[in-house]
Amino acid sequence: MAQAGKGRLNYRCPSCFMRDLDIDMFYDKEKKEYYCLRCQYTGTEEDVLEKNEMARFRYRAMMKRITDFED
């Protein structure tokens, strides 16, 4: 089994992040893929970035103060 090591960047696991868990993924150099120790998610860098973009859509208005509820 490959030694667990952080990747070039700290990517969040998209599967865990959709369930409001902030879990960093690890990178396997031999398989060239990222994996999560908590939920067994694995994917390429492109796959992880694509799914993290979907998660960002969920929180797009998190920092906005909403005062008008009629629109």
N, C-alpha and C. Protein backbone atom coordinates (compact mmCIF):
# COMPACT_ATOMS: atom_id res chain seq x y z
N MET A 1 0.85 -1.18 0.00
CA MET A 1 0.00 0.00 0.00
C MET A 1 0.89 1.24 0.00
N ALA A 2 0.46 2.26 -0.71
CA ALA A 2 1.25 3.49 -0.82
C ALA A 2 1.22 4.26 0.50
N GLN A 3 2.30 4.96 0.73
CA GLN A 3 2.39 5.81 1.92
C GLN A 3 1.46 7.01 1.74
N ALA A 4 0.67 7.31 2.73
CA ALA A 4 -0.25 8.44 2.66
C ALA A 4 0.54 9.74 2.71
N GLY A 5 0.29 10.61 1.77
CA GLY A 5 0.98 11.89 1.75
C GLY A 5 0.08 12.96 1.19
N LYS A 6 0.25 14.18 1.66
CA LYS A 6 -0.54 15.28 1.15
C LYS A 6 -0.16 15.55 -0.29
N GLY A 7 -1.11 16.01 -1.07
CA GLY A 7 -0.86 16.36 -2.46
C GLY A 7 -0.20 17.73 -2.56
N ARG A 8 -0.10 18.19 -3.80
CA ARG A 8 0.51 19.50 -4.03
C ARG A 8 -0.31 20.60 -3.36
N LEU A 9 -1.61 20.47 -3.44
CA LEU A 9 -2.52 21.42 -2.80
C LEU A 9 -3.43 20.64 -1.85
N ASN A 10 -3.99 21.33 -0.90
CA ASN A 10 -4.92 20.68 0.01
C ASN A 10 -6.32 20.69 -0.61
N TYR A 11 -6.67 19.61 -1.27
CA TYR A 11 -8.01 19.48 -1.83
C TYR A 11 -8.94 18.91 -0.78
N ARG A 12 -10.16 19.36 -0.78
CA ARG A 12 -11.18 18.84 0.11
C ARG A 12 -11.89 17.68 -0.57
N CYS A 13 -12.26 16.68 0.20
CA CYS A 13 -13.00 15.55 -0.36
C CYS A 13 -14.40 16.03 -0.75
N PRO A 14 -14.78 15.92 -2.02
CA PRO A 14 -16.09 16.42 -2.43
C PRO A 14 -17.25 15.64 -1.80
N SER A 15 -17.07 14.37 -1.61
CA SER A 15 -18.13 13.56 -1.01
C SER A 15 -18.38 13.96 0.44
N CYS A 16 -17.33 14.13 1.19
CA CYS A 16 -17.46 14.55 2.59
C CYS A 16 -17.94 16.00 2.68
N PHE A 17 -17.44 16.85 1.78
CA PHE A 17 -17.80 18.27 1.82
C PHE A 17 -19.28 18.47 1.56
N MET A 18 -19.89 17.63 0.73
CA MET A 18 -21.34 17.71 0.49
C MET A 18 -22.13 17.37 1.75
N ARG A 19 -21.49 16.67 2.67
CA ARG A 19 -22.14 16.33 3.95
C ARG A 19 -21.63 17.23 5.07
N ASP A 20 -21.07 18.39 4.69
CA ASP A 20 -20.59 19.41 5.63
C ASP A 20 -19.44 18.92 6.50
N LEU A 21 -18.60 18.05 5.95
CA LEU A 21 -17.38 17.61 6.63
C LEU A 21 -16.19 18.15 5.85
N ASP A 22 -15.26 18.75 6.54
CA ASP A 22 -14.10 19.36 5.89
C ASP A 22 -12.89 18.43 6.05
N ILE A 23 -12.74 17.51 5.10
CA ILE A 23 -11.71 16.49 5.16
C ILE A 23 -10.72 16.69 4.01
N ASP A 24 -9.42 16.77 4.34
CA ASP A 24 -8.38 16.87 3.31
C ASP A 24 -8.19 15.51 2.64
N MET A 25 -7.85 15.56 1.36
CA MET A 25 -7.56 14.34 0.61
C MET A 25 -6.06 14.09 0.58
N PHE A 26 -5.69 12.86 0.34
CA PHE A 26 -4.29 12.47 0.21
C PHE A 26 -4.03 12.08 -1.24
N TYR A 27 -2.77 12.13 -1.62
CA TYR A 27 -2.39 11.85 -3.01
C TYR A 27 -1.54 10.59 -3.08
N ASP A 28 -1.91 9.69 -3.98
CA ASP A 28 -1.16 8.47 -4.23
C ASP A 28 -0.35 8.68 -5.51
N LYS A 29 0.97 8.80 -5.38
CA LYS A 29 1.83 9.08 -6.53
C LYS A 29 1.85 7.92 -7.53
N GLU A 30 1.75 6.70 -7.05
CA GLU A 30 1.79 5.55 -7.94
C GLU A 30 0.56 5.48 -8.84
N LYS A 31 -0.60 5.70 -8.26
CA LYS A 31 -1.84 5.66 -9.04
C LYS A 31 -2.21 7.01 -9.64
N LYS A 32 -1.52 8.07 -9.20
CA LYS A 32 -1.78 9.44 -9.65
C LYS A 32 -3.24 9.83 -9.42
N GLU A 33 -3.71 9.57 -8.20
CA GLU A 33 -5.09 9.94 -7.85
C GLU A 33 -5.16 10.36 -6.40
N TYR A 34 -6.19 11.10 -6.09
CA TYR A 34 -6.44 11.55 -4.72
C TYR A 34 -7.44 10.60 -4.07
N TYR A 35 -7.32 10.47 -2.75
CA TYR A 35 -8.25 9.59 -2.04
C TYR A 35 -8.54 10.16 -0.66
N CYS A 36 -9.70 9.78 -0.13
CA CYS A 36 -10.15 10.21 1.19
C CYS A 36 -10.07 9.03 2.14
N LEU A 37 -9.51 9.26 3.30
CA LEU A 37 -9.41 8.19 4.29
C LEU A 37 -10.73 7.91 4.99
N ARG A 38 -11.63 8.89 4.99
CA ARG A 38 -12.87 8.75 5.75
C ARG A 38 -13.96 8.02 4.96
N CYS A 39 -14.12 8.37 3.67
CA CYS A 39 -15.26 7.82 2.93
C CYS A 39 -14.88 6.95 1.74
N GLN A 40 -13.61 6.73 1.51
CA GLN A 40 -13.12 5.87 0.43
C GLN A 40 -13.33 6.46 -0.96
N TYR A 41 -13.54 7.77 -1.06
CA TYR A 41 -13.64 8.43 -2.37
C TYR A 41 -12.26 8.47 -3.02
N THR A 42 -12.17 8.17 -4.32
CA THR A 42 -10.93 8.32 -5.07
C THR A 42 -11.25 9.02 -6.38
N GLY A 43 -10.29 9.78 -6.89
CA GLY A 43 -10.49 10.45 -8.16
C GLY A 43 -9.25 11.19 -8.61
N THR A 44 -9.22 11.49 -9.90
CA THR A 44 -8.12 12.26 -10.46
C THR A 44 -8.26 13.71 -10.02
N GLU A 45 -7.22 14.49 -10.28
CA GLU A 45 -7.24 15.90 -9.90
C GLU A 45 -8.38 16.63 -10.61
N GLU A 46 -8.59 16.33 -11.88
CA GLU A 46 -9.66 16.97 -12.63
C GLU A 46 -11.03 16.62 -12.06
N ASP A 47 -11.21 15.36 -11.68
CA ASP A 47 -12.48 14.91 -11.10
C ASP A 47 -12.75 15.61 -9.77
N VAL A 48 -11.72 15.72 -8.94
CA VAL A 48 -11.86 16.37 -7.64
C VAL A 48 -12.20 17.85 -7.81
N LEU A 49 -11.51 18.52 -8.73
CA LEU A 49 -11.78 19.94 -8.97
C LEU A 49 -13.19 20.17 -9.50
N GLU A 50 -13.64 19.29 -10.38
CA GLU A 50 -14.99 19.41 -10.94
C GLU A 50 -16.05 19.26 -9.85
N LYS A 51 -15.89 18.27 -9.00
CA LYS A 51 -16.88 18.03 -7.95
C LYS A 51 -16.81 19.09 -6.85
N ASN A 52 -15.61 19.63 -6.58
CA ASN A 52 -15.50 20.72 -5.61
C ASN A 52 -16.16 21.99 -6.13
N GLU A 53 -16.15 22.19 -7.44
CA GLU A 53 -16.84 23.34 -8.03
C GLU A 53 -18.35 23.20 -7.82
N MET A 54 -18.87 21.99 -7.90
CA MET A 54 -20.29 21.75 -7.63
C MET A 54 -20.61 22.07 -6.17
N ALA A 55 -19.70 21.76 -5.27
CA ALA A 55 -19.92 22.05 -3.85
C ALA A 55 -19.88 23.55 -3.60
N ARG A 56 -19.02 24.28 -4.33
CA ARG A 56 -18.96 25.74 -4.18
C ARG A 56 -20.28 26.39 -4.58
N PHE A 57 -20.98 25.79 -5.55
CA PHE A 57 -22.28 26.30 -5.97
C PHE A 57 -23.26 26.31 -4.79
N ARG A 58 -23.16 25.34 -3.94
CA ARG A 58 -24.06 25.24 -2.78
C ARG A 58 -23.86 26.41 -1.83
N TYR A 59 -22.63 26.90 -1.70
CA TYR A 59 -22.30 27.94 -0.74
C TYR A 59 -22.02 29.29 -1.40
N ARG A 60 -22.53 29.50 -2.62
CA ARG A 60 -22.20 30.71 -3.36
C ARG A 60 -22.64 31.99 -2.67
N ALA A 61 -23.71 31.97 -1.89
CA ALA A 61 -24.21 33.18 -1.25
C ALA A 61 -23.95 33.17 0.26
N MET A 62 -23.02 32.38 0.71
CA MET A 62 -22.78 32.24 2.14
C MET A 62 -22.34 33.55 2.78
N MET A 63 -21.55 34.35 2.08
CA MET A 63 -21.02 35.58 2.66
C MET A 63 -21.90 36.80 2.37
N LYS A 64 -23.02 36.62 1.67
CA LYS A 64 -23.93 37.73 1.38
C LYS A 64 -24.92 37.90 2.52
N ARG A 65 -25.23 39.13 2.80
CA ARG A 65 -26.28 39.41 3.78
C ARG A 65 -27.57 39.61 3.01
N ILE A 66 -28.54 38.76 3.21
CA ILE A 66 -29.80 38.82 2.47
C ILE A 66 -30.82 39.54 3.34
N THR A 67 -31.29 40.66 2.83
CA THR A 67 -32.27 41.46 3.59
C THR A 67 -33.59 41.59 2.86
N ASP A 68 -33.59 41.33 1.55
CA ASP A 68 -34.82 41.45 0.77
C ASP A 68 -35.27 40.06 0.36
N PHE A 69 -36.38 39.61 0.92
CA PHE A 69 -36.87 38.26 0.66
C PHE A 69 -38.01 38.23 -0.35
N GLU A 70 -38.31 39.37 -0.99
CA GLU A 70 -39.44 39.41 -1.92
C GLU A 70 -39.07 39.03 -3.33
N ASP A 71 -37.80 38.96 -3.68
CA ASP A 71 -37.39 38.59 -5.05
C ASP A 71 -37.30 37.12 -5.22
